[in-house]
Amino acid sequence: AGPTCKVPKETWMKEADFKAKVEAQGYKIKTFKVTKNDCYEIYGFDKDGKQVEIYFNPETGAELERK
C-alpha cells in the first residue's frame, strides 16, 4: 500500500517543482500521482532505464520507498 505522509497540504512542494526536481535527478516520469495516503508517487524509469515505482514525501521531495 505504500507509506503514509502526514504533512499539511499547504506545505507540499508544487507538483511542477517536484517533477522538475525528480527529472533533474535523471528520472523519466511516466505517471505521477498523489496516493490515498497523501504521498507523491511516480512510475517511470531511472537514469539507467530501469523501471521504478517510488513514493516521495510531498513536503521535502525525499524518497520514502522504492518498489
C-alpha atoms as a PDB file:
ATOM      1  CA  ALA A   1       0.000   0.000   0.000  1.00  0.00           C
ATOM      2  CA  GLY A   2       2.992   2.300   0.396  1.00  0.00           C
ATOM      3  CA  PRO A   3       3.991   4.767   3.093  1.00  0.00           C
ATOM      4  CA  THR A   4       1.752   7.374   4.719  1.00  0.00           C
ATOM      5  CA  CYS A   5       2.709  11.041   4.530  1.00  0.00           C
ATOM      6  CA  LYS A   6       1.241  13.100   7.349  1.00  0.00           C
ATOM      7  CA  VAL A   7       2.142  16.639   6.297  1.00  0.00           C
ATOM      8  CA  PRO A   8      -0.248  19.574   5.808  1.00  0.00           C
ATOM      9  CA  LYS A   9      -1.164  20.106   2.157  1.00  0.00           C
ATOM     10  CA  GLU A  10      -0.236  23.800   2.323  1.00  0.00           C
ATOM     11  CA  THR A  11       3.412  22.804   2.948  1.00  0.00           C
ATOM     12  CA  TRP A  12       3.657  20.491  -0.079  1.00  0.00           C
ATOM     13  CA  MET A  13       6.016  21.244  -2.944  1.00  0.00           C
ATOM     14  CA  LYS A  14       4.171  22.345  -6.070  1.00  0.00           C
ATOM     15  CA  GLU A  15       3.732  19.381  -8.417  1.00  0.00           C
ATOM     16  CA  ALA A  16       5.644  21.153 -11.204  1.00  0.00           C
ATOM     17  CA  ASP A  17       8.573  21.905  -8.861  1.00  0.00           C
ATOM     18  CA  PHE A  18       8.594  18.325  -7.585  1.00  0.00           C
ATOM     19  CA  LYS A  19       8.559  16.870 -11.104  1.00  0.00           C
ATOM     20  CA  ALA A  20      11.394  19.197 -12.161  1.00  0.00           C
ATOM     21  CA  LYS A  21      13.460  18.114  -9.132  1.00  0.00           C
ATOM     22  CA  VAL A  22      12.934  14.409  -9.842  1.00  0.00           C
ATOM     23  CA  GLU A  23      13.644  14.802 -13.559  1.00  0.00           C
ATOM     24  CA  ALA A  24      16.835  16.732 -12.716  1.00  0.00           C
ATOM     25  CA  GLN A  25      17.941  13.608 -10.790  1.00  0.00           C
ATOM     26  CA  GLY A  26      17.676  11.608 -14.021  1.00  0.00           C
ATOM     27  CA  TYR A  27      14.224  10.057 -13.667  1.00  0.00           C
ATOM     28  CA  LYS A  28      11.755   9.853 -16.539  1.00  0.00           C
ATOM     29  CA  ILE A  29       8.228  10.184 -15.156  1.00  0.00           C
ATOM     30  CA  LYS A  30       5.619   8.120 -16.977  1.00  0.00           C
ATOM     31  CA  THR A  31       2.867   8.540 -14.356  1.00  0.00           C
ATOM     32  CA  PHE A  32       2.671  10.931 -11.407  1.00  0.00           C
ATOM     33  CA  LYS A  33       0.007  10.716  -8.716  1.00  0.00           C
ATOM     34  CA  VAL A  34      -0.890  11.607  -5.161  1.00  0.00           C
ATOM     35  CA  THR A  35      -1.575   8.412  -3.211  1.00  0.00           C
ATOM     36  CA  LYS A  36      -4.564   7.937  -0.930  1.00  0.00           C
ATOM     37  CA  ASN A  37      -2.046   8.195   1.937  1.00  0.00           C
ATOM     38  CA  ASP A  38      -1.024  11.683   0.731  1.00  0.00           C
ATOM     39  CA  CYS A  39       2.388  10.869  -0.703  1.00  0.00           C
ATOM     40  CA  TYR A  40       3.694  11.730  -4.158  1.00  0.00           C
ATOM     41  CA  GLU A  41       4.271   8.637  -6.282  1.00  0.00           C
ATOM     42  CA  ILE A  42       5.923   8.237  -9.653  1.00  0.00           C
ATOM     43  CA  TYR A  43       6.043   5.375 -12.101  1.00  0.00           C
ATOM     44  CA  GLY A  44       8.746   5.651 -14.695  1.00  0.00           C
ATOM     45  CA  PHE A  45      12.404   4.971 -15.294  1.00  0.00           C
ATOM     46  CA  ASP A  46      15.663   5.790 -13.539  1.00  0.00           C
ATOM     47  CA  LYS A  47      18.746   7.183 -15.267  1.00  0.00           C
ATOM     48  CA  ASP A  48      19.802   3.636 -16.221  1.00  0.00           C
ATOM     49  CA  GLY A  49      16.459   2.955 -17.905  1.00  0.00           C
ATOM     50  CA  LYS A  50      15.255   0.595 -15.159  1.00  0.00           C
ATOM     51  CA  GLN A  51      11.549   0.721 -14.356  1.00  0.00           C
ATOM     52  CA  VAL A  52      10.805   2.278 -10.956  1.00  0.00           C
ATOM     53  CA  GLU A  53       7.855   2.945  -8.663  1.00  0.00           C
ATOM     54  CA  ILE A  54       8.857   5.430  -5.969  1.00  0.00           C
ATOM     55  CA  TYR A  55       6.993   7.154  -3.143  1.00  0.00           C
ATOM     56  CA  PHE A  56       8.106  10.611  -2.003  1.00  0.00           C
ATOM     57  CA  ASN A  57       7.389  12.973   0.876  1.00  0.00           C
ATOM     58  CA  PRO A  58       5.357  15.758  -0.794  1.00  0.00           C
ATOM     59  CA  GLU A  59       6.782  18.420   1.524  1.00  0.00           C
ATOM     60  CA  THR A  60      10.505  17.695   1.127  1.00  0.00           C
ATOM     61  CA  GLY A  61      10.657  15.596  -2.039  1.00  0.00           C
ATOM     62  CA  ALA A  62      12.638  12.973  -0.101  1.00  0.00           C
ATOM     63  CA  GLU A  63      12.396   9.403  -1.372  1.00  0.00           C
ATOM     64  CA  LEU A  64      10.476   7.215   1.082  1.00  0.00           C
ATOM     65  CA  GLU A  65      10.097   3.847  -0.577  1.00  0.00           C
ATOM     66  CA  ARG A  66      11.019   2.209  -3.864  1.00  0.00           C
ATOM     67  CA  LYS A  67       9.422  -0.878  -5.381  1.00  0.00           C
END
